[in-house]
Amino acid sequence: MTTNVLPARETKDLPNPVTGWGLSRLAITLVVLICYLAMFNVLQLWLITFVTIVLLLLLFGFRDWKLLLVFPGIIAAVLHVLFVILLRVPLG
């Protein structure tokens, strides 16, 4: 009766079980983000943003050097232009 409304579940549809590596990666991500917030008054926005994104990309498995330089650079530049130059938010 419910097969017309809800499709049958298969094992490929179920999420992977929680692992120790996944929990440790979550904890490391939280530490990196807390350090990012703590460094706002110490370093410039573009520098801490660049380093934080590189660390998170490394943590989640990205190893291509082009990606590790270009993507964080673009994100850091966009945030710097948006908040520091256009909106003139005092970040330090």
N, C-alpha and C. Protein backbone atom coordinates (compact mmCIF):
# COMPACT_ATOMS: atom_id res chain seq x y z
N MET A 1 0.82 -1.19 0.00
CA MET A 1 0.00 0.00 0.00
C MET A 1 0.86 1.26 0.00
N THR A 2 1.93 1.28 0.80
CA THR A 2 2.75 2.49 0.85
C THR A 2 3.78 2.55 -0.26
N THR A 3 3.91 1.50 -1.05
CA THR A 3 4.91 1.51 -2.12
C THR A 3 4.59 2.53 -3.20
N ASN A 4 3.34 2.91 -3.31
CA ASN A 4 2.97 3.93 -4.28
C ASN A 4 3.37 5.32 -3.81
N VAL A 5 3.47 5.50 -2.50
CA VAL A 5 3.80 6.80 -1.93
C VAL A 5 5.28 6.87 -1.57
N LEU A 6 5.77 5.87 -0.86
CA LEU A 6 7.16 5.84 -0.43
C LEU A 6 7.90 4.72 -1.15
N PRO A 7 8.99 5.03 -1.80
CA PRO A 7 9.74 3.97 -2.48
C PRO A 7 10.44 3.07 -1.46
N ALA A 8 10.75 1.87 -1.90
CA ALA A 8 11.43 0.93 -1.03
C ALA A 8 12.85 1.43 -0.75
N ARG A 9 13.31 1.22 0.49
CA ARG A 9 14.67 1.62 0.86
C ARG A 9 15.65 0.53 0.48
N GLU A 10 16.77 0.99 -0.07
CA GLU A 10 17.85 0.06 -0.38
C GLU A 10 19.05 0.44 0.44
N THR A 11 20.03 -0.45 0.55
CA THR A 11 21.21 -0.17 1.38
C THR A 11 22.02 0.99 0.83
N LYS A 12 21.99 1.23 -0.46
CA LYS A 12 22.75 2.35 -1.03
C LYS A 12 22.12 3.69 -0.66
N ASP A 13 20.85 3.70 -0.25
CA ASP A 13 20.17 4.93 0.14
C ASP A 13 20.47 5.33 1.58
N LEU A 14 20.97 4.41 2.39
CA LEU A 14 21.21 4.70 3.79
C LEU A 14 22.56 5.40 3.97
N PRO A 15 22.66 6.31 4.94
CA PRO A 15 23.94 7.00 5.15
C PRO A 15 24.98 6.06 5.74
N ASN A 16 26.25 6.43 5.56
CA ASN A 16 27.33 5.64 6.14
C ASN A 16 27.29 5.74 7.66
N PRO A 17 27.73 4.71 8.36
CA PRO A 17 27.74 4.77 9.82
C PRO A 17 28.79 5.77 10.33
N VAL A 18 28.58 6.27 11.53
CA VAL A 18 29.52 7.20 12.15
C VAL A 18 30.80 6.46 12.49
N THR A 19 31.95 7.06 12.10
CA THR A 19 33.24 6.43 12.38
C THR A 19 34.06 7.35 13.27
N GLY A 20 35.14 6.80 13.80
CA GLY A 20 36.05 7.59 14.62
C GLY A 20 36.71 8.69 13.83
N TRP A 21 37.09 8.39 12.57
CA TRP A 21 37.72 9.41 11.73
C TRP A 21 36.74 10.54 11.44
N GLY A 22 35.48 10.22 11.22
CA GLY A 22 34.49 11.26 10.97
C GLY A 22 34.28 12.16 12.18
N LEU A 23 34.23 11.57 13.36
CA LEU A 23 34.08 12.37 14.58
C LEU A 23 35.31 13.22 14.85
N SER A 24 36.49 12.67 14.60
CA SER A 24 37.70 13.46 14.82
C SER A 24 37.81 14.58 13.79
N ARG A 25 37.38 14.32 12.57
CA ARG A 25 37.38 15.37 11.55
C ARG A 25 36.40 16.48 11.92
N LEU A 26 35.27 16.13 12.50
CA LEU A 26 34.32 17.12 12.98
C LEU A 26 34.94 17.96 14.09
N ALA A 27 35.61 17.31 15.03
CA ALA A 27 36.25 18.04 16.14
C ALA A 27 37.35 18.96 15.63
N ILE A 28 38.16 18.49 14.69
CA ILE A 28 39.23 19.33 14.13
C ILE A 28 38.63 20.52 13.37
N THR A 29 37.55 20.29 12.65
CA THR A 29 36.88 21.39 11.95
C THR A 29 36.39 22.45 12.93
N LEU A 30 35.80 22.02 14.03
CA LEU A 30 35.33 22.98 15.04
C LEU A 30 36.49 23.76 15.64
N VAL A 31 37.61 23.10 15.90
CA VAL A 31 38.78 23.78 16.45
C VAL A 31 39.32 24.80 15.46
N VAL A 32 39.41 24.42 14.18
CA VAL A 32 39.90 25.35 13.16
C VAL A 32 38.99 26.56 13.06
N LEU A 33 37.68 26.37 13.10
CA LEU A 33 36.75 27.49 12.98
C LEU A 33 36.76 28.38 14.22
N ILE A 34 36.93 27.79 15.39
CA ILE A 34 37.05 28.59 16.61
C ILE A 34 38.34 29.41 16.58
N CYS A 35 39.42 28.82 16.12
CA CYS A 35 40.68 29.56 15.96
C CYS A 35 40.53 30.68 14.93
N TYR A 36 39.77 30.44 13.88
CA TYR A 36 39.50 31.47 12.87
C TYR A 36 38.83 32.68 13.51
N LEU A 37 37.82 32.42 14.34
CA LEU A 37 37.14 33.51 15.01
C LEU A 37 38.05 34.21 16.02
N ALA A 38 38.89 33.45 16.70
CA ALA A 38 39.77 34.04 17.71
C ALA A 38 40.85 34.91 17.09
N MET A 39 41.21 34.66 15.84
CA MET A 39 42.29 35.40 15.19
C MET A 39 41.83 36.68 14.50
N PHE A 40 40.55 37.01 14.58
CA PHE A 40 40.04 38.19 13.89
C PHE A 40 40.75 39.47 14.32
N ASN A 41 41.03 39.63 15.61
CA ASN A 41 41.66 40.85 16.09
C ASN A 41 43.17 40.79 16.04
N VAL A 42 43.74 39.67 15.60
CA VAL A 42 45.19 39.50 15.59
C VAL A 42 45.76 39.68 14.19
N LEU A 43 45.19 39.00 13.22
CA LEU A 43 45.68 39.05 11.84
C LEU A 43 44.63 39.66 10.92
N GLN A 44 45.03 39.93 9.70
CA GLN A 44 44.10 40.50 8.74
C GLN A 44 43.13 39.44 8.22
N LEU A 45 41.97 39.89 7.81
CA LEU A 45 40.90 38.99 7.37
C LEU A 45 41.34 38.10 6.22
N TRP A 46 42.00 38.64 5.20
CA TRP A 46 42.36 37.84 4.03
C TRP A 46 43.34 36.73 4.40
N LEU A 47 44.26 37.00 5.34
CA LEU A 47 45.26 36.00 5.72
C LEU A 47 44.64 34.85 6.50
N ILE A 48 43.83 35.16 7.51
CA ILE A 48 43.24 34.07 8.29
C ILE A 48 42.22 33.29 7.48
N THR A 49 41.52 33.97 6.57
CA THR A 49 40.57 33.27 5.71
C THR A 49 41.30 32.31 4.78
N PHE A 50 42.39 32.77 4.18
CA PHE A 50 43.17 31.92 3.29
C PHE A 50 43.69 30.69 4.03
N VAL A 51 44.30 30.88 5.19
CA VAL A 51 44.87 29.76 5.96
C VAL A 51 43.77 28.80 6.41
N THR A 52 42.65 29.33 6.87
CA THR A 52 41.55 28.48 7.34
C THR A 52 40.99 27.62 6.21
N ILE A 53 40.79 28.19 5.05
CA ILE A 53 40.24 27.43 3.93
C ILE A 53 41.23 26.37 3.46
N VAL A 54 42.53 26.70 3.45
CA VAL A 54 43.54 25.70 3.08
C VAL A 54 43.52 24.55 4.07
N LEU A 55 43.47 24.84 5.37
CA LEU A 55 43.42 23.77 6.37
C LEU A 55 42.18 22.89 6.22
N LEU A 56 41.04 23.51 5.98
CA LEU A 56 39.82 22.73 5.81
C LEU A 56 39.84 21.90 4.54
N LEU A 57 40.40 22.43 3.46
CA LEU A 57 40.51 21.64 2.23
C LEU A 57 41.44 20.45 2.42
N LEU A 58 42.55 20.67 3.11
CA LEU A 58 43.46 19.55 3.40
C LEU A 58 42.78 18.50 4.28
N LEU A 59 42.03 18.97 5.27
CA LEU A 59 41.35 18.05 6.19
C LEU A 59 40.33 17.19 5.47
N PHE A 60 39.65 17.76 4.48
CA PHE A 60 38.61 17.01 3.79
C PHE A 60 39.08 16.35 2.50
N GLY A 61 40.41 16.28 2.30
CA GLY A 61 40.94 15.42 1.27
C GLY A 61 41.34 16.05 -0.04
N PHE A 62 41.29 17.36 -0.16
CA PHE A 62 41.71 17.98 -1.41
C PHE A 62 43.22 18.15 -1.41
N ARG A 63 43.91 17.66 -2.42
CA ARG A 63 45.36 17.67 -2.45
C ARG A 63 45.96 18.40 -3.66
N ASP A 64 45.16 18.80 -4.61
CA ASP A 64 45.67 19.48 -5.79
C ASP A 64 46.18 20.86 -5.41
N TRP A 65 47.43 21.16 -5.71
CA TRP A 65 48.04 22.41 -5.27
C TRP A 65 47.37 23.63 -5.90
N LYS A 66 46.85 23.46 -7.11
CA LYS A 66 46.15 24.58 -7.76
C LYS A 66 44.89 24.93 -6.98
N LEU A 67 44.16 23.90 -6.58
CA LEU A 67 42.95 24.11 -5.80
C LEU A 67 43.29 24.71 -4.44
N LEU A 68 44.38 24.27 -3.84
CA LEU A 68 44.76 24.75 -2.52
C LEU A 68 45.26 26.19 -2.54
N LEU A 69 45.61 26.72 -3.69
CA LEU A 69 46.04 28.11 -3.78
C LEU A 69 44.98 29.03 -4.38
N VAL A 70 44.33 28.57 -5.45
CA VAL A 70 43.40 29.43 -6.17
C VAL A 70 42.08 29.61 -5.43
N PHE A 71 41.46 28.54 -5.00
CA PHE A 71 40.16 28.63 -4.34
C PHE A 71 40.21 29.46 -3.05
N PRO A 72 41.13 29.20 -2.12
CA PRO A 72 41.20 30.06 -0.93
C PRO A 72 41.56 31.51 -1.26
N GLY A 73 42.39 31.70 -2.28
CA GLY A 73 42.73 33.06 -2.69
C GLY A 73 41.52 33.83 -3.18
N ILE A 74 40.69 33.18 -3.97
CA ILE A 74 39.48 33.83 -4.48
C ILE A 74 38.52 34.15 -3.34
N ILE A 75 38.31 33.20 -2.45
CA ILE A 75 37.40 33.41 -1.32
C ILE A 75 37.91 34.54 -0.42
N ALA A 76 39.22 34.53 -0.10
CA ALA A 76 39.79 35.56 0.76
C ALA A 76 39.69 36.93 0.10
N ALA A 77 39.95 37.00 -1.20
CA ALA A 77 39.87 38.28 -1.90
C ALA A 77 38.44 38.81 -1.94
N VAL A 78 37.48 37.94 -2.20
CA VAL A 78 36.08 38.37 -2.25
C VAL A 78 35.63 38.88 -0.88
N LEU A 79 35.96 38.15 0.18
CA LEU A 79 35.57 38.59 1.53
C LEU A 79 36.26 39.89 1.91
N HIS A 80 37.53 40.05 1.53
CA HIS A 80 38.25 41.28 1.84
C HIS A 80 37.62 42.47 1.11
N VAL A 81 37.36 42.30 -0.16
CA VAL A 81 36.74 43.39 -0.93
C VAL A 81 35.35 43.71 -0.38
N LEU A 82 34.57 42.70 -0.08
CA LEU A 82 33.21 42.91 0.39
C LEU A 82 33.18 43.61 1.75
N PHE A 83 33.88 43.05 2.74
CA PHE A 83 33.76 43.57 4.09
C PHE A 83 34.67 44.76 4.38
N VAL A 84 35.90 44.72 3.91
CA VAL A 84 36.86 45.77 4.27
C VAL A 84 36.74 46.97 3.34
N ILE A 85 36.64 46.74 2.04
CA ILE A 85 36.66 47.85 1.09
C ILE A 85 35.25 48.42 0.85
N LEU A 86 34.30 47.58 0.50
CA LEU A 86 32.97 48.08 0.15
C LEU A 86 32.13 48.45 1.38
N LEU A 87 32.05 47.56 2.36
CA LEU A 87 31.21 47.82 3.53
C LEU A 87 31.94 48.56 4.64
N ARG A 88 33.27 48.60 4.58
CA ARG A 88 34.11 49.29 5.58
C ARG A 88 33.82 48.83 6.99
N VAL A 89 33.74 47.51 7.16
CA VAL A 89 33.52 46.93 8.48
C VAL A 89 34.86 46.93 9.22
N PRO A 90 34.90 47.51 10.44
CA PRO A 90 36.16 47.48 11.19
C PRO A 90 36.42 46.10 11.77
N LEU A 91 37.38 45.39 11.19
CA LEU A 91 37.64 44.00 11.60
C LEU A 91 38.92 43.87 12.41
N GLY A 92 39.35 44.87 13.06
CA GLY A 92 40.58 44.71 13.82
C GLY A 92 41.01 45.94 14.54
